[in-house]
C-alpha atoms as a PDB file:
ATOM      1  CA  MET A   1      96.633  83.395 115.545  1.00  0.00           C
ATOM      2  CA  LYS A   2      95.856  84.744 111.990  1.00  0.00           C
ATOM      3  CA  ILE A   3      96.304  87.907 110.460  1.00  0.00           C
ATOM      4  CA  ARG A   4      92.573  89.566 110.280  1.00  0.00           C
ATOM      5  CA  ILE A   5      92.244  91.091 107.127  1.00  0.00           C
ATOM      6  CA  GLY A   6      89.423  93.935 106.322  1.00  0.00           C
ATOM      7  CA  ILE A   7      88.780  94.597 102.420  1.00  0.00           C
ATOM      8  CA  ALA A   8      87.621  98.033 101.832  1.00  0.00           C
ATOM      9  CA  GLY A   9      85.808  98.084  98.151  1.00  0.00           C
ATOM     10  CA  TYR A  10      84.201  94.673  96.564  1.00  0.00           C
ATOM     11  CA  GLY A  11      84.359  95.221  92.963  1.00  0.00           C
ATOM     12  CA  ASN A  12      87.380  93.453  91.015  1.00  0.00           C
ATOM     13  CA  LEU A  13      90.004  93.901  93.399  1.00  0.00           C
ATOM     14  CA  GLY A  14      87.897  92.963  96.575  1.00  0.00           C
ATOM     15  CA  ARG A  15      86.844  90.085  95.038  1.00  0.00           C
ATOM     16  CA  GLY A  16      90.497  89.212  94.174  1.00  0.00           C
ATOM     17  CA  VAL A  17      91.739  89.974  97.838  1.00  0.00           C
ATOM     18  CA  GLU A  18      88.837  87.594  99.290  1.00  0.00           C
ATOM     19  CA  ASN A  19      90.218  84.719  96.419  1.00  0.00           C
ATOM     20  CA  ALA A  20      93.539  85.484  98.029  1.00  0.00           C
ATOM     21  CA  LEU A  21      93.242  85.141 101.180  1.00  0.00           C
ATOM     22  CA  CYS A  22      91.319  81.637 100.893  1.00  0.00           C
ATOM     23  CA  THR A  23      94.571  80.701  99.862  1.00  0.00           C
ATOM     24  CA  SER A  24      96.483  82.128 102.639  1.00  0.00           C
ATOM     25  CA  SER A  25      96.718  79.975 105.648  1.00  0.00           C
ATOM     26  CA  ASP A  26      98.040  82.782 108.081  1.00  0.00           C
ATOM     27  CA  MET A  27      95.236  85.042 107.276  1.00  0.00           C
ATOM     28  CA  GLU A  28      91.621  85.361 107.879  1.00  0.00           C
ATOM     29  CA  LEU A  29      89.185  87.832 106.436  1.00  0.00           C
ATOM     30  CA  VAL A  30      87.184  89.620 108.726  1.00  0.00           C
ATOM     31  CA  ALA A  31      84.403  91.888 107.386  1.00  0.00           C
ATOM     32  CA  VAL A  32      83.949  93.694 103.534  1.00  0.00           C
ATOM     33  CA  PHE A  33      83.006  97.286 103.931  1.00  0.00           C
ATOM     34  CA  THR A  34      80.923  99.023 100.753  1.00  0.00           C
ATOM     35  CA  ARG A  35      79.804 102.542  99.926  1.00  0.00           C
ATOM     36  CA  ARG A  36      76.556 100.475  98.252  1.00  0.00           C
ATOM     37  CA  ASP A  37      73.641  99.128 100.264  1.00  0.00           C
ATOM     38  CA  PRO A  38      75.437  95.577 102.164  1.00  0.00           C
ATOM     39  CA  ALA A  39      72.042  93.820 101.728  1.00  0.00           C
ATOM     40  CA  GLY A  40      72.610  93.975  97.752  1.00  0.00           C
ATOM     41  CA  VAL A  41      76.232  92.801  98.284  1.00  0.00           C
ATOM     42  CA  LYS A  42      77.007  89.246  98.999  1.00  0.00           C
ATOM     43  CA  THR A  43      80.527  87.782  99.195  1.00  0.00           C
ATOM     44  CA  ARG A  44      81.978  84.337  98.334  1.00  0.00           C
ATOM     45  CA  THR A  45      82.883  83.290 101.362  1.00  0.00           C
ATOM     46  CA  GLY A  46      79.841  84.543 103.292  1.00  0.00           C
ATOM     47  CA  VAL A  47      82.009  86.928 105.359  1.00  0.00           C
ATOM     48  CA  PRO A  48      79.958  90.066 106.477  1.00  0.00           C
ATOM     49  CA  VAL A  49      79.164  93.262 104.619  1.00  0.00           C
ATOM     50  CA  TYR A  50      78.801  96.551 106.301  1.00  0.00           C
ATOM     51  CA  PRO A  51      78.566 100.238 105.449  1.00  0.00           C
ATOM     52  CA  MET A  52      82.071 102.281 104.743  1.00  0.00           C
ATOM     53  CA  ALA A  53      81.083 104.535 107.364  1.00  0.00           C
ATOM     54  CA  GLU A  54      81.267 101.690 110.420  1.00  0.00           C
ATOM     55  CA  ALA A  55      84.778 101.057 109.348  1.00  0.00           C
ATOM     56  CA  PRO A  56      86.400 102.633 112.247  1.00  0.00           C
ATOM     57  CA  ALA A  57      84.079 101.051 114.963  1.00  0.00           C
ATOM     58  CA  MET A  58      85.785  97.312 113.895  1.00  0.00           C
ATOM     59  CA  LYS A  59      89.506  99.230 114.349  1.00  0.00           C
ATOM     60  CA  ASP A  60      89.837  97.107 117.183  1.00  0.00           C
ATOM     61  CA  GLN A  61      89.121  93.501 115.042  1.00  0.00           C
ATOM     62  CA  ILE A  62      90.773  94.530 112.445  1.00  0.00           C
ATOM     63  CA  ASP A  63      94.827  93.960 111.857  1.00  0.00           C
ATOM     64  CA  VAL A  64      95.278  95.485 108.452  1.00  0.00           C
ATOM     65  CA  MET A  65      92.753  96.891 105.798  1.00  0.00           C
ATOM     66  CA  ILE A  66      93.595  96.676 101.983  1.00  0.00           C
ATOM     67  CA  LEU A  67      91.558  99.087 100.008  1.00  0.00           C
ATOM     68  CA  CYS A  68      90.359  98.062  96.345  1.00  0.00           C
ATOM     69  CA  GLY A  69      88.509 101.238  95.696  1.00  0.00           C
ATOM     70  CA  GLY A  70      90.187 103.479  92.053  1.00  0.00           C
ATOM     71  CA  SER A  71      93.202 105.655  92.405  1.00  0.00           C
ATOM     72  CA  ALA A  72      91.196 108.889  90.607  1.00  0.00           C
ATOM     73  CA  ASN A  73      88.731 109.739  93.793  1.00  0.00           C
ATOM     74  CA  ASP A  74      88.643 106.756  95.860  1.00  0.00           C
ATOM     75  CA  LEU A  75      92.077 106.090  97.349  1.00  0.00           C
ATOM     76  CA  PRO A  76      93.379 109.851  97.503  1.00  0.00           C
ATOM     77  CA  GLU A  77      90.373 109.989 100.243  1.00  0.00           C
ATOM     78  CA  GLN A  78      90.265 106.868 101.662  1.00  0.00           C
ATOM     79  CA  THR A  79      93.772 105.942 102.323  1.00  0.00           C
ATOM     80  CA  PRO A  80      94.348 108.756 104.574  1.00  0.00           C
ATOM     81  CA  ALA A  81      91.195 108.446 106.343  1.00  0.00           C
ATOM     82  CA  LEU A  82      91.261 104.730 107.105  1.00  0.00           C
ATOM     83  CA  ALA A  83      94.959 104.891 107.825  1.00  0.00           C
ATOM     84  CA  GLN A  84      93.577 107.261 111.173  1.00  0.00           C
ATOM     85  CA  TYR A  85      92.406 103.565 112.344  1.00  0.00           C
ATOM     86  CA  PHE A  86      93.570 100.972 110.719  1.00  0.00           C
ATOM     87  CA  ASN A  87      97.008  99.565 109.030  1.00  0.00           C
ATOM     88  CA  VAL A  88      96.402  99.798 105.339  1.00  0.00           C
ATOM     89  CA  ILE A  89      97.409  98.668 102.001  1.00  0.00           C
ATOM     90  CA  ASP A  90      96.526 100.413  98.381  1.00  0.00           C
ATOM     91  CA  SER A  91      97.332 100.185  95.105  1.00  0.00           C
ATOM     92  CA  PHE A  92      97.446 104.229  94.345  1.00  0.00           C
ATOM     93  CA  ASP A  93      98.911 103.726  90.813  1.00  0.00           C
ATOM     94  CA  THR A  94      98.726 107.500  89.440  1.00  0.00           C
ATOM     95  CA  HIS A  95     102.373 107.279  89.287  1.00  0.00           C
ATOM     96  CA  ALA A  96     102.939 111.090  89.127  1.00  0.00           C
ATOM     97  CA  LYS A  97     100.816 112.038  92.176  1.00  0.00           C
ATOM     98  CA  ILE A  98     102.476 109.141  94.443  1.00  0.00           C
ATOM     99  CA  PRO A  99     104.845 111.371  96.158  1.00  0.00           C
ATOM    100  CA  GLU A 100     101.679 113.317  96.974  1.00  0.00           C
ATOM    101  CA  HIS A 101      99.689 110.445  97.945  1.00  0.00           C
ATOM    102  CA  PHE A 102     102.893 109.155 100.003  1.00  0.00           C
ATOM    103  CA  GLN A 103     102.896 112.477 102.343  1.00  0.00           C
ATOM    104  CA  ALA A 104      98.781 112.529 102.573  1.00  0.00           C
ATOM    105  CA  VAL A 105      98.696 108.958 104.039  1.00  0.00           C
ATOM    106  CA  ASP A 106     102.516 108.899 106.219  1.00  0.00           C
ATOM    107  CA  ALA A 107     101.256 112.382 107.837  1.00  0.00           C
ATOM    108  CA  ALA A 108      97.754 110.123 108.935  1.00  0.00           C
ATOM    109  CA  CYS A 109      99.634 107.309 109.970  1.00  0.00           C
ATOM    110  CA  ARG A 110     102.108 109.069 111.806  1.00  0.00           C
ATOM    111  CA  LYS A 111      99.160 110.965 113.754  1.00  0.00           C
ATOM    112  CA  SER A 112      97.548 107.335 114.638  1.00  0.00           C
ATOM    113  CA  GLY A 113     100.968 105.191 115.150  1.00  0.00           C
ATOM    114  CA  LYS A 114      99.329 102.677 112.277  1.00  0.00           C
ATOM    115  CA  LEU A 115     101.587 101.645 108.985  1.00  0.00           C
ATOM    116  CA  GLY A 116     100.411 102.283 105.851  1.00  0.00           C
ATOM    117  CA  ILE A 117     102.117 100.752 102.186  1.00  0.00           C
ATOM    118  CA  ILE A 118     100.876 102.131  99.337  1.00  0.00           C
ATOM    119  CA  SER A 119     101.188 102.097  95.304  1.00  0.00           C
ATOM    120  CA  VAL A 120     101.494  97.965  95.679  1.00  0.00           C
ATOM    121  CA  GLY A 121     100.121  96.105  92.893  1.00  0.00           C
ATOM    122  CA  TRP A 122     102.544  94.849  89.624  1.00  0.00           C
ATOM    123  CA  ASP A 123     103.148  98.715  88.431  1.00  0.00           C
ATOM    124  CA  PRO A 124     103.515 100.512  90.438  1.00  0.00           C
ATOM    125  CA  GLY A 125     104.543  97.473  92.540  1.00  0.00           C
ATOM    126  CA  MET A 126     106.970  94.508  91.245  1.00  0.00           C
ATOM    127  CA  PHE A 127     108.077  96.312  87.930  1.00  0.00           C
ATOM    128  CA  SER A 128     108.994  99.257  90.670  1.00  0.00           C
ATOM    129  CA  LEU A 129     110.804  96.561  92.511  1.00  0.00           C
ATOM    130  CA  ASN A 130     112.564  94.963  89.329  1.00  0.00           C
ATOM    131  CA  ARG A 131     113.773  98.523  87.791  1.00  0.00           C
ATOM    132  CA  ALA A 132     115.306  99.752  91.291  1.00  0.00           C
ATOM    133  CA  TYR A 133     117.134  96.510  91.172  1.00  0.00           C
ATOM    134  CA  GLY A 134     118.456  96.841  87.629  1.00  0.00           C
ATOM    135  CA  GLN A 135     119.956 100.312  88.321  1.00  0.00           C
ATOM    136  CA  ALA A 136     121.641  99.185  91.571  1.00  0.00           C
ATOM    137  CA  VAL A 137     123.163  96.189  89.747  1.00  0.00           C
ATOM    138  CA  LEU A 138     124.169  97.762  86.638  1.00  0.00           C
ATOM    139  CA  PRO A 139     123.885 101.778  86.981  1.00  0.00           C
ATOM    140  CA  ASN A 140     125.538 101.697  83.284  1.00  0.00           C
ATOM    141  CA  GLY A 141     122.735 100.784  81.401  1.00  0.00           C
ATOM    142  CA  SER A 142     118.789 101.716  80.349  1.00  0.00           C
ATOM    143  CA  ASP A 143     115.412 100.752  81.649  1.00  0.00           C
ATOM    144  CA  TYR A 144     112.989  99.679  79.480  1.00  0.00           C
ATOM    145  CA  THR A 145     109.214  98.944  80.374  1.00  0.00           C
ATOM    146  CA  PHE A 146     106.468  97.415  77.739  1.00  0.00           C
ATOM    147  CA  TRP A 147     102.736  96.786  78.735  1.00  0.00           C
ATOM    148  CA  GLY A 148     101.033  94.274  77.446  1.00  0.00           C
ATOM    149  CA  LYS A 149      99.599  92.172  75.757  1.00  0.00           C
ATOM    150  CA  GLY A 150      96.357  93.335  77.990  1.00  0.00           C
ATOM    151  CA  VAL A 151      93.244  95.429  78.785  1.00  0.00           C
ATOM    152  CA  SER A 152      93.493  99.039  79.574  1.00  0.00           C
ATOM    153  CA  GLN A 153      90.321  99.844  81.927  1.00  0.00           C
ATOM    154  CA  GLY A 154      91.425 103.322  81.800  1.00  0.00           C
ATOM    155  CA  HIS A 155      91.462 103.706  78.602  1.00  0.00           C
ATOM    156  CA  SER A 156      88.648 101.576  77.564  1.00  0.00           C
ATOM    157  CA  ASP A 157      86.516 103.836  80.046  1.00  0.00           C
ATOM    158  CA  ALA A 158      87.774 106.887  77.503  1.00  0.00           C
ATOM    159  CA  ILE A 159      86.517 105.314  74.760  1.00  0.00           C
ATOM    160  CA  ARG A 160      82.919 104.523  76.184  1.00  0.00           C
ATOM    161  CA  ARG A 161      82.687 108.379  77.448  1.00  0.00           C
ATOM    162  CA  ILE A 162      82.563 109.002  73.580  1.00  0.00           C
ATOM    163  CA  PRO A 163      79.104 109.749  71.837  1.00  0.00           C
ATOM    164  CA  GLY A 164      77.809 106.917  69.839  1.00  0.00           C
ATOM    165  CA  VAL A 165      80.048 104.300  71.836  1.00  0.00           C
ATOM    166  CA  LEU A 166      77.932 101.720  73.940  1.00  0.00           C
ATOM    167  CA  ASP A 167      80.964  99.480  74.914  1.00  0.00           C
ATOM    168  CA  ALA A 168      84.937  99.481  74.143  1.00  0.00           C
ATOM    169  CA  ARG A 169      88.081  96.919  75.053  1.00  0.00           C
ATOM    170  CA  GLN A 170      91.292  98.499  74.366  1.00  0.00           C
ATOM    171  CA  TYR A 171      94.677  96.341  73.900  1.00  0.00           C
ATOM    172  CA  THR A 172      98.014  97.343  74.790  1.00  0.00           C
ATOM    173  CA  ILE A 173     100.135  95.494  72.421  1.00  0.00           C
ATOM    174  CA  PRO A 174     104.013  96.258  72.418  1.00  0.00           C
ATOM    175  CA  VAL A 175     106.083  96.088  69.558  1.00  0.00           C
ATOM    176  CA  GLU A 176     107.759  93.262  68.538  1.00  0.00           C
ATOM    177  CA  GLU A 177     110.563  94.776  66.566  1.00  0.00           C
ATOM    178  CA  ALA A 178     110.997  97.011  69.706  1.00  0.00           C
ATOM    179  CA  LEU A 179     111.358  94.341  72.362  1.00  0.00           C
ATOM    180  CA  ASN A 180     114.026  92.318  69.656  1.00  0.00           C
ATOM    181  CA  ARG A 181     116.178  95.242  69.818  1.00  0.00           C
ATOM    182  CA  VAL A 182     116.060  95.544  73.387  1.00  0.00           C
ATOM    183  CA  ARG A 183     116.679  92.080  74.350  1.00  0.00           C
ATOM    184  CA  SER A 184     119.586  92.147  71.707  1.00  0.00           C
ATOM    185  CA  GLY A 185     121.106  94.434  74.368  1.00  0.00           C
ATOM    186  CA  GLU A 186     121.283  97.137  71.445  1.00  0.00           C
ATOM    187  CA  ASN A 187     120.013  99.770  74.148  1.00  0.00           C
ATOM    188  CA  PRO A 188     118.251 101.780  71.263  1.00  0.00           C
ATOM    189  CA  GLU A 189     116.086 105.104  72.215  1.00  0.00           C
ATOM    190  CA  LEU A 190     112.673 104.291  71.166  1.00  0.00           C
ATOM    191  CA  SER A 191     109.801 106.816  71.057  1.00  0.00           C
ATOM    192  CA  THR A 192     106.493 106.119  72.278  1.00  0.00           C
ATOM    193  CA  ARG A 193     104.967 105.035  69.240  1.00  0.00           C
ATOM    194  CA  GLU A 194     107.714 102.369  68.377  1.00  0.00           C
ATOM    195  CA  LYS A 195     107.119 100.854  71.650  1.00  0.00           C
ATOM    196  CA  HIS A 196     103.427 100.135  71.713  1.00  0.00           C
ATOM    197  CA  THR A 197     100.402  99.886  69.227  1.00  0.00           C
ATOM    198  CA  ARG A 198      96.575 100.268  70.558  1.00  0.00           C
ATOM    199  CA  GLU A 199      93.972  97.944  69.190  1.00  0.00           C
ATOM    200  CA  CYS A 200      89.918  98.628  70.034  1.00  0.00           C
ATOM    201  CA  PHE A 201      87.401  97.125  69.937  1.00  0.00           C
ATOM    202  CA  VAL A 202      84.498  99.027  69.569  1.00  0.00           C
ATOM    203  CA  VAL A 203      80.468  98.323  69.980  1.00  0.00           C
ATOM    204  CA  ALA A 204      78.741 101.851  68.794  1.00  0.00           C
ATOM    205  CA  ALA A 205      75.158 102.272  68.764  1.00  0.00           C
ATOM    206  CA  GLU A 206      72.765 101.995  66.265  1.00  0.00           C
ATOM    207  CA  GLY A 207      73.130 104.657  63.432  1.00  0.00           C
ATOM    208  CA  ALA A 208      76.133 106.428  64.772  1.00  0.00           C
ATOM    209  CA  ASP A 209      78.859 107.759  62.537  1.00  0.00           C
ATOM    210  CA  LYS A 210      81.559 104.975  62.720  1.00  0.00           C
ATOM    211  CA  LYS A 211      84.034 107.493  60.844  1.00  0.00           C
ATOM    212  CA  GLN A 212      83.307 110.015  63.181  1.00  0.00           C
ATOM    213  CA  ILE A 213      84.057 107.588  66.520  1.00  0.00           C
ATOM    214  CA  GLU A 214      87.107 106.314  64.826  1.00  0.00           C
ATOM    215  CA  GLN A 215      88.668 110.014  64.167  1.00  0.00           C
ATOM    216  CA  ALA A 216      87.654 110.659  68.117  1.00  0.00           C
ATOM    217  CA  ILE A 217      89.831 107.381  69.335  1.00  0.00           C
ATOM    218  CA  VAL A 218      92.796 108.082  67.214  1.00  0.00           C
ATOM    219  CA  THR A 219      93.442 111.549  68.012  1.00  0.00           C
ATOM    220  CA  MET A 220      92.711 111.565  71.561  1.00  0.00           C
ATOM    221  CA  PRO A 221      94.966 113.260  73.642  1.00  0.00           C
ATOM    222  CA  ASN A 222      97.227 111.426  76.317  1.00  0.00           C
ATOM    223  CA  TYR A 223      95.534 108.307  75.505  1.00  0.00           C
ATOM    224  CA  PHE A 224      95.558 107.365  71.775  1.00  0.00           C
ATOM    225  CA  ALA A 225      96.933 110.192  69.466  1.00  0.00           C
ATOM    226  CA  ASP A 226     100.681 109.232  70.444  1.00  0.00           C
ATOM    227  CA  TYR A 227     100.190 105.555  69.185  1.00  0.00           C
ATOM    228  CA  ASP A 228      99.813 103.576  65.783  1.00  0.00           C
ATOM    229  CA  THR A 229      96.096 102.859  67.048  1.00  0.00           C
ATOM    230  CA  THR A 230      93.539 100.418  65.253  1.00  0.00           C
ATOM    231  CA  VAL A 231      90.135 100.445  65.342  1.00  0.00           C
ATOM    232  CA  HIS A 232      87.886  97.377  65.055  1.00  0.00           C
ATOM    233  CA  PHE A 233      83.817  98.009  65.335  1.00  0.00           C
ATOM    234  CA  ILE A 234      82.214  94.713  66.713  1.00  0.00           C
ATOM    235  CA  SER A 235      78.646  93.544  67.663  1.00  0.00           C
ATOM    236  CA  GLN A 236      77.718  93.392  71.513  1.00  0.00           C
ATOM    237  CA  GLU A 237      77.555  89.660  71.319  1.00  0.00           C
ATOM    238  CA  GLU A 238      81.197  89.778  69.893  1.00  0.00           C
ATOM    239  CA  LEU A 239      82.585  91.895  72.244  1.00  0.00           C
ATOM    240  CA  ASP A 240      80.976  89.891  75.433  1.00  0.00           C
ATOM    241  CA  ARG A 241      81.859  86.274  73.994  1.00  0.00           C
ATOM    242  CA  ASP A 242      85.940  87.242  72.955  1.00  0.00           C
ATOM    243  CA  HIS A 243      86.705  89.950  75.302  1.00  0.00           C
ATOM    244  CA  LYS A 244      84.932  89.601  78.397  1.00  0.00           C
ATOM    245  CA  GLY A 245      88.482  88.988  80.253  1.00  0.00           C
ATOM    246  CA  ILE A 246      90.888  91.166  82.237  1.00  0.00           C
ATOM    247  CA  PRO A 247      94.169  89.991  81.101  1.00  0.00           C
ATOM    248  CA  HIS A 248      97.756  91.801  81.064  1.00  0.00           C
ATOM    249  CA  GLY A 249     101.132  91.673  81.821  1.00  0.00           C
ATOM    250  CA  GLY A 250     104.376  92.987  80.544  1.00  0.00           C
ATOM    251  CA  MET A 251     107.970  93.450  80.788  1.00  0.00           C
ATOM    252  CA  VAL A 252     111.155  95.350  82.460  1.00  0.00           C
ATOM    253  CA  PHE A 253     114.839  95.605  81.474  1.00  0.00           C
ATOM    254  CA  ARG A 254     117.615  96.698  82.602  1.00  0.00           C
ATOM    255  CA  CYS A 255     120.378  96.567  79.568  1.00  0.00           C
ATOM    256  CA  GLY A 256     123.450  97.429  81.109  1.00  0.00           C
ATOM    257  CA  ALA A 257     127.623  97.324  80.511  1.00  0.00           C
ATOM    258  CA  THR A 258     130.459  96.506  82.856  1.00  0.00           C
ATOM    259  CA  GLY A 259     134.141  95.937  82.329  1.00  0.00           C
ATOM    260  CA  ALA A 260     136.868  98.633  82.090  1.00  0.00           C
ATOM    261  CA  ASN A 261     135.197  99.819  78.637  1.00  0.00           C
ATOM    262  CA  GLY A 262     131.601  98.296  78.906  1.00  0.00           C
ATOM    263  CA  GLU A 263     132.783  95.425  76.645  1.00  0.00           C
ATOM    264  CA  ASN A 264     130.650  93.242  78.375  1.00  0.00           C
ATOM    265  CA  ARG A 265     126.683  93.792  77.762  1.00  0.00           C
ATOM    266  CA  HIS A 266     123.921  91.877  80.255  1.00  0.00           C
ATOM    267  CA  VAL A 267     120.302  92.363  79.855  1.00  0.00           C
ATOM    268  CA  ILE A 268     117.653  91.605  82.757  1.00  0.00           C
ATOM    269  CA  GLU A 269     113.997  91.001  81.880  1.00  0.00           C
ATOM    270  CA  TYR A 270     111.233  90.322  84.090  1.00  0.00           C
ATOM    271  CA  LYS A 271     108.046  89.632  82.642  1.00  0.00           C
ATOM    272  CA  LEU A 272     104.401  89.450  83.704  1.00  0.00           C
ATOM    273  CA  THR A 273     101.411  86.973  81.612  1.00  0.00           C
ATOM    274  CA  LEU A 274      98.244  87.786  84.026  1.00  0.00           C
ATOM    275  CA  ASP A 275      95.109  85.932  82.613  1.00  0.00           C
ATOM    276  CA  SER A 276      93.343  88.601  85.563  1.00  0.00           C
ATOM    277  CA  ASN A 277      95.148  91.592  85.879  1.00  0.00           C
ATOM    278  CA  PRO A 278      92.852  92.431  89.334  1.00  0.00           C
ATOM    279  CA  GLU A 279      93.610  89.081  90.992  1.00  0.00           C
ATOM    280  CA  PHE A 280      97.278  89.162  90.141  1.00  0.00           C
ATOM    281  CA  THR A 281      97.172  92.752  91.903  1.00  0.00           C
ATOM    282  CA  SER A 282      95.060  91.525  94.881  1.00  0.00           C
ATOM    283  CA  SER A 283      97.413  88.680  95.666  1.00  0.00           C
ATOM    284  CA  VAL A 284     100.528  91.404  95.549  1.00  0.00           C
ATOM    285  CA  LEU A 285      98.306  93.524  97.908  1.00  0.00           C
ATOM    286  CA  THR A 286      97.503  90.407 100.043  1.00  0.00           C
ATOM    287  CA  ALA A 287     101.196  89.767 100.414  1.00  0.00           C
ATOM    288  CA  TYR A 288     101.836  92.928 101.318  1.00  0.00           C
ATOM    289  CA  ALA A 289      99.232  93.007 104.126  1.00  0.00           C
ATOM    290  CA  ARG A 290     101.278  90.543 106.128  1.00  0.00           C
ATOM    291  CA  ALA A 291     104.525  92.656 105.828  1.00  0.00           C
ATOM    292  CA  ALA A 292     102.190  95.160 106.756  1.00  0.00           C
ATOM    293  CA  TYR A 293     101.449  93.593 109.882  1.00  0.00           C
ATOM    294  CA  ARG A 294     104.519  91.863 110.834  1.00  0.00           C
ATOM    295  CA  LEU A 295     106.091  95.776 110.784  1.00  0.00           C
ATOM    296  CA  HIS A 296     103.704  96.760 112.957  1.00  0.00           C
ATOM    297  CA  LEU A 297     104.119  94.199 115.613  1.00  0.00           C
ATOM    298  CA  GLN A 298     108.215  95.682 115.520  1.00  0.00           C
ATOM    299  CA  GLY A 299     106.725  99.064 115.985  1.00  0.00           C
ATOM    300  CA  VAL A 300     107.024 100.525 112.837  1.00  0.00           C
ATOM    301  CA  SER A 301     104.817 103.532 111.801  1.00  0.00           C
ATOM    302  CA  GLY A 302     104.201 105.777 108.863  1.00  0.00           C
ATOM    303  CA  CYS A 303     104.116 105.338 105.218  1.00  0.00           C
ATOM    304  CA  LYS A 304     106.181 102.831 102.979  1.00  0.00           C
ATOM    305  CA  THR A 305     106.207 101.455  99.454  1.00  0.00           C
ATOM    306  CA  VAL A 306     107.352  98.084  98.010  1.00  0.00           C
ATOM    307  CA  LEU A 307     110.563  99.643  97.996  1.00  0.00           C
ATOM    308  CA  ASP A 308     110.940  99.597 101.504  1.00  0.00           C
ATOM    309  CA  ILE A 309     109.519  96.344 102.313  1.00  0.00           C
ATOM    310  CA  ALA A 310     112.445  93.268 102.846  1.00  0.00           C
ATOM    311  CA  PRO A 311     111.065  90.510 100.625  1.00  0.00           C
ATOM    312  CA  ALA A 312     111.070  88.203 103.527  1.00  0.00           C
ATOM    313  CA  LEU A 313     108.521  89.997 105.253  1.00  0.00           C
ATOM    314  CA  LEU A 314     105.823  88.795 102.350  1.00  0.00           C
ATOM    315  CA  HIS A 315     106.104  85.450 102.558  1.00  0.00           C
ATOM    316  CA  PRO A 316     104.562  83.081 105.356  1.00  0.00           C
ATOM    317  CA  GLU A 317     107.103  81.181 105.808  1.00  0.00           C
ATOM    318  CA  SER A 318     109.850  82.034 108.789  1.00  0.00           C
ATOM    319  CA  ALA A 319     113.065  83.747 107.485  1.00  0.00           C
ATOM    320  CA  GLU A 320     115.360  80.612 108.841  1.00  0.00           C
ATOM    321  CA  GLU A 321     112.433  78.275 106.637  1.00  0.00           C
ATOM    322  CA  LEU A 322     113.526  81.004 103.883  1.00  0.00           C
ATOM    323  CA  ARG A 323     117.219  80.800 103.875  1.00  0.00           C
ATOM    324  CA  ARG A 324     117.186  76.807 103.739  1.00  0.00           C
ATOM    325  CA  LYS A 325     114.925  76.612 100.741  1.00  0.00           C
ATOM    326  CA  LEU A 326     115.406  79.838  98.910  1.00  0.00           C
ATOM    327  CA  LEU A 327     119.311  80.631  99.095  1.00  0.00           C
END
């Protein structure tokens, strides 16, 4: 019997989950739920699309609901609400608010007897796991995280809100010198500005003051003020042609020492290079949906994160097969 999946939200992430399910032989997509008019939403696989409000009526037809909304406004409300009826997975990525989100989802899951796994993706998610492994193995050491080169959707949106800007893409880029210092085992202390630069490609409205737009970008607090930022003004045609993808990635390092006097140095590096940020995130969500289903069958309820889930539960093959093939 296949694991029956529902998708809540059908943007880039929802379409990515649909694609991931097509390559997961033990899962099947049952329904897509949207806040838009379902008549105007066409899925790749032809699966039925329903209004979001009708999701609770299908609680007995779906084993795991994968939530594909945004962290700012959608998931804080949707995940606890849907956890009243389904086992749920989300990609909530507002790091500072994860404890608060966890408590809300956990309360809903405890009441319904369902299982929720939150903050699933690559950061938070896969990067979180690698930080945990690194700290456990090398307690005498330091963590470093670099993001990019990749498109930051949140920063791109922030630029688009500036008066006179029609469209924009912003790339986060690791500083090569900082990377080399970390890889060498130097364990440097690095400021925000020393670790990353930001590169912006902006389409300005005709007659807009480009110098004023550039100044608004490079001085924007919480986004660009703490970074060396370069702004390029280009045409809409150039932006559509050269910057239409959503690539991303990054690296997590644990640099540590062992020995009586710390004489032996070690560097752990985990790297992702992603052509499509949402499609990779969708693939991680899909794997954790499998784990949620298996844990629920064991009677587990409440909220979990990637740090709580055994790796074997993510894989479609049995524990016996994994011991034989991967150990």
